[in-house]
Protein backbone atom coordinates (compact mmCIF):
# COMPACT_ATOMS: atom_id res chain seq x y z
CA UNK A 1 14.03 6.02 -33.22
CA UNK A 2 17.20 8.06 -33.75
CA UNK A 3 18.63 6.70 -30.48
CA UNK A 4 17.80 3.16 -31.56
CA UNK A 5 19.41 3.63 -34.97
CA UNK A 6 22.53 5.18 -33.42
CA UNK A 7 23.04 2.65 -30.61
CA UNK A 8 21.21 -0.32 -32.16
CA UNK A 9 19.37 -0.85 -28.90
CA UNK A 10 16.89 1.02 -26.75
CA UNK A 11 15.84 0.53 -23.13
CA UNK A 12 12.54 1.92 -21.87
CA UNK A 13 9.94 1.56 -19.15
CA UNK A 14 6.21 2.08 -19.18
CA UNK A 15 3.45 2.32 -16.61
CA UNK A 16 -0.10 1.72 -17.80
CA UNK A 17 -3.08 2.84 -15.76
CA UNK A 18 -1.02 2.78 -12.54
CA UNK A 19 -1.43 -0.98 -12.35
CA UNK A 20 1.02 -2.53 -14.79
CA UNK A 21 4.67 -1.66 -15.25
CA UNK A 22 7.01 -2.93 -17.95
CA UNK A 23 10.67 -2.69 -18.74
CA UNK A 24 11.63 -3.25 -22.34
CA UNK A 25 14.66 -3.54 -24.53
CA UNK A 26 14.58 -3.35 -28.32
CA UNK A 27 17.81 -4.44 -30.00
CA UNK A 28 19.45 -5.52 -33.25
CA UNK A 29 20.69 -9.08 -33.36
CA UNK A 30 21.97 -10.93 -36.42
CA UNK A 31 20.55 -8.27 -38.70
CA UNK A 32 17.03 -8.38 -37.27
CA UNK A 33 15.17 -6.34 -34.67
CA UNK A 34 14.48 -8.19 -31.43
CA UNK A 35 12.76 -7.19 -28.24
CA UNK A 36 12.55 -8.34 -24.65
CA UNK A 37 9.88 -7.24 -22.20
CA UNK A 38 9.60 -7.79 -18.49
CA UNK A 39 6.54 -7.26 -16.35
CA UNK A 40 7.51 -5.49 -13.13
CA UNK A 41 5.45 -6.88 -10.25
CA UNK A 42 3.16 -4.32 -8.75
CA UNK A 43 2.18 -6.55 -5.85
CA UNK A 44 1.45 -4.75 -2.66
CA UNK A 45 3.12 -6.39 0.35
CA UNK A 46 0.66 -8.21 2.58
CA UNK A 47 -0.19 -6.73 5.94
CA UNK A 48 1.74 -9.55 7.57
CA UNK A 49 4.79 -8.67 5.45
CA UNK A 50 4.45 -5.09 6.68
CA UNK A 51 4.21 -6.24 10.31
CA UNK A 52 0.98 -4.28 10.74
CA UNK A 53 -0.19 -4.22 14.37
CA UNK A 54 -2.95 -6.77 14.83
CA UNK A 55 -5.22 -4.17 16.51
CA UNK A 56 -5.47 -2.23 13.25
CA UNK A 57 -6.29 -5.39 11.33
CA UNK A 58 -8.90 -6.34 13.94
CA UNK A 59 -10.65 -2.97 13.65
CA UNK A 60 -10.78 -3.22 9.84
CA UNK A 61 -11.99 -6.82 9.95
CA UNK A 62 -14.73 -5.97 12.47
CA UNK A 63 -16.01 -3.24 10.13
CA UNK A 64 -15.99 -5.66 7.21
CA UNK A 65 -17.78 -8.35 9.22
CA UNK A 66 -20.80 -6.03 9.52
CA UNK A 67 -21.44 -6.35 5.79
CA UNK A 68 -23.96 -8.71 4.28
CA UNK A 69 -22.34 -11.65 2.51
CA UNK A 70 -23.11 -10.27 -0.98
CA UNK A 71 -21.63 -6.89 -0.03
CA UNK A 72 -18.48 -8.55 1.32
CA UNK A 73 -18.07 -10.49 -1.93
CA UNK A 74 -18.55 -7.32 -3.98
CA UNK A 75 -15.75 -5.64 -2.03
CA UNK A 76 -13.55 -8.73 -2.39
CA UNK A 77 -13.86 -8.47 -6.16
CA UNK A 78 -13.32 -4.70 -6.01
CA UNK A 79 -10.12 -5.26 -4.01
CA UNK A 80 -8.80 -7.34 -6.91
CA UNK A 81 -9.47 -4.47 -9.32
CA UNK A 82 -7.49 -2.06 -7.14
CA UNK A 83 -7.84 0.79 -4.69
CA UNK A 84 -10.07 2.51 -7.28
CA UNK A 85 -12.64 0.47 -9.16
CA UNK A 86 -15.55 0.88 -11.52
CA UNK A 87 -18.92 -0.65 -10.76
CA UNK A 88 -19.17 -1.78 -14.39
CA UNK A 89 -16.16 -4.10 -14.27
CA UNK A 90 -17.05 -5.44 -10.80
CA UNK A 91 -20.59 -6.20 -11.96
CA UNK A 92 -19.37 -8.02 -15.06
CA UNK A 93 -16.71 -9.95 -13.13
CA UNK A 94 -19.27 -11.14 -10.59
CA UNK A 95 -22.29 -11.51 -12.84
CA UNK A 96 -24.29 -9.22 -10.54
CA UNK A 97 -27.22 -7.21 -11.90
CA UNK A 98 -26.52 -3.50 -12.23
CA UNK A 99 -29.30 -2.24 -9.95
CA UNK A 100 -28.52 -4.73 -7.18
CA UNK A 101 -24.84 -3.88 -7.43
CA UNK A 102 -25.43 -0.12 -7.24
CA UNK A 103 -27.78 -0.52 -4.27
CA UNK A 104 -25.18 -2.59 -2.43
CA UNK A 105 -22.39 -0.13 -3.23
CA UNK A 106 -24.61 2.72 -2.05
CA UNK A 107 -25.24 1.00 1.27
CA UNK A 108 -21.57 0.11 1.68
CA UNK A 109 -20.76 3.78 1.13
CA UNK A 110 -23.49 5.43 3.21
CA UNK A 111 -23.99 2.95 6.05
CA UNK A 112 -20.63 1.24 6.43
CA UNK A 113 -18.40 4.03 5.11
CA UNK A 114 -15.86 1.64 3.62
CA UNK A 115 -15.85 3.17 0.12
CA UNK A 116 -16.86 6.42 -1.47
CA UNK A 117 -18.07 7.26 -4.95
CA UNK A 118 -16.81 9.84 -7.37
CA UNK A 119 -18.90 9.91 -10.56
CA UNK A 120 -18.79 6.36 -11.95
CA UNK A 121 -15.83 5.11 -9.90
CA UNK A 122 -15.35 4.15 -6.30
CA UNK A 123 -12.39 4.08 -4.01
CA UNK A 124 -11.73 2.39 -0.70
CA UNK A 125 -11.82 4.87 2.18
CA UNK A 126 -8.51 3.49 3.41
CA UNK A 127 -5.92 1.34 1.69
CA UNK A 128 -5.93 -1.08 4.66
CA UNK A 129 -9.56 -1.96 3.93
CA UNK A 130 -8.53 -3.12 0.48
CA UNK A 131 -5.46 -4.89 1.85
CA UNK A 132 -7.45 -6.87 4.43
CA UNK A 133 -9.98 -7.90 1.80
CA UNK A 134 -7.37 -8.88 -0.80
CA UNK A 135 -5.17 -10.75 1.66
CA UNK A 136 -8.18 -12.69 2.92
CA UNK A 137 -9.06 -14.15 -0.47
CA UNK A 138 -7.90 -17.72 -1.05
CA UNK A 139 -5.52 -18.31 -3.95
CA UNK A 140 -7.97 -20.18 -6.18
CA UNK A 141 -10.76 -17.65 -5.66
CA UNK A 142 -8.34 -14.75 -6.18
CA UNK A 143 -7.32 -16.20 -9.55
CA UNK A 144 -10.99 -16.49 -10.54
CA UNK A 145 -11.63 -12.89 -9.52
CA UNK A 146 -8.64 -11.74 -11.61
CA UNK A 147 -9.90 -13.77 -14.57
CA UNK A 148 -13.39 -12.27 -14.19
CA UNK A 149 -11.98 -8.74 -14.00
CA UNK A 150 -9.87 -9.32 -17.13
CA UNK A 151 -12.91 -10.65 -18.99
CA UNK A 152 -14.98 -7.72 -17.75
CA UNK A 153 -12.42 -5.29 -19.15
CA UNK A 154 -12.41 -7.22 -22.43
CA UNK A 155 -16.17 -6.80 -22.72
CA UNK A 156 -16.19 -3.14 -21.69
CA UNK A 157 -13.35 -2.14 -24.02
CA UNK A 158 -14.06 -4.54 -26.88
CA UNK A 159 -13.45 -1.85 -29.50
CA UNK A 160 -10.53 -0.23 -27.68
CA UNK A 161 -8.54 -3.21 -26.40
CA UNK A 162 -5.20 -1.42 -26.71
CA UNK A 163 -6.38 1.25 -24.26
CA UNK A 164 -6.57 -1.26 -21.41
CA UNK A 165 -4.19 -3.97 -22.62
CA UNK A 166 -1.88 -3.49 -19.64
CA UNK A 167 -4.68 -3.92 -17.12
CA UNK A 168 -6.08 -6.97 -18.89
CA UNK A 169 -2.60 -8.49 -19.16
CA UNK A 170 -2.01 -7.97 -15.43
CA UNK A 171 -5.28 -9.62 -14.42
CA UNK A 172 -4.83 -12.56 -16.81
CA UNK A 173 -1.27 -13.01 -15.50
CA UNK A 174 -2.53 -13.06 -11.93
CA UNK A 175 -5.18 -15.59 -13.02
CA UNK A 176 -2.53 -17.80 -14.62
CA UNK A 177 -4.34 -17.45 -17.94
CA UNK A 178 -2.36 -17.74 -21.18
CA UNK A 179 -4.39 -14.92 -22.76
CA UNK A 180 -2.07 -12.54 -20.89
CA UNK A 181 0.56 -13.00 -23.62
CA UNK A 182 -1.47 -11.35 -26.36
CA UNK A 183 -2.29 -8.40 -24.15
CA UNK A 184 1.34 -8.04 -23.07
CA UNK A 185 2.33 -7.77 -26.72
CA UNK A 186 -0.47 -5.27 -27.35
CA UNK A 187 0.63 -3.19 -24.34
CA UNK A 188 4.25 -3.33 -25.48
CA UNK A 189 3.26 -2.19 -28.98
CA UNK A 190 1.35 0.71 -27.49
CA UNK A 191 4.36 1.58 -25.32
CA UNK A 192 6.69 1.48 -28.29
CA UNK A 193 4.42 3.82 -30.26
CA UNK A 194 4.08 6.19 -27.33
CA UNK A 195 7.81 6.20 -26.71
CA UNK A 196 8.60 6.73 -30.39
CA UNK A 197 6.28 9.74 -30.49
CA UNK A 198 7.27 11.34 -27.30
């Protein structure tokens, strides 16, 4: 706050949950405090943009093609969440029953070895598995997955929305959903408080 009062402006950046990054500027203008925030894209380049050899992509796709349809769809949704994902948010996003989901994740882990569990979270065994899945989702379906993930987070963190505001904002932005705005403001407020205290 002392820096802001001395210079009448303050630049900062914030990363929330390793999935959403912001740049912000708080300033004085015409006797009032103003602020500008910018979401920094965290989009991973597609495999095509990386010029990945097609043999690698073929190997990954062959492994994925061994999955049952429901298992493939579960991993598609998980790829939207990120390289690490919780079964709770994937289940809510897809409307899949908890036991069926956990059985499928267990088989994907033990039989297909595409993911592995650590307590209540999972992670893709290789980032290229996630990339192939994510890049293979059509635009409209991808937006629906992002919307479902955002709504899943809303339900899971109903009483602690500020804790995951950045993640929810990111997924609603990717879904093209106007609810992203409220979460962006909430994430920015949290960032301002954290920056002011630290």
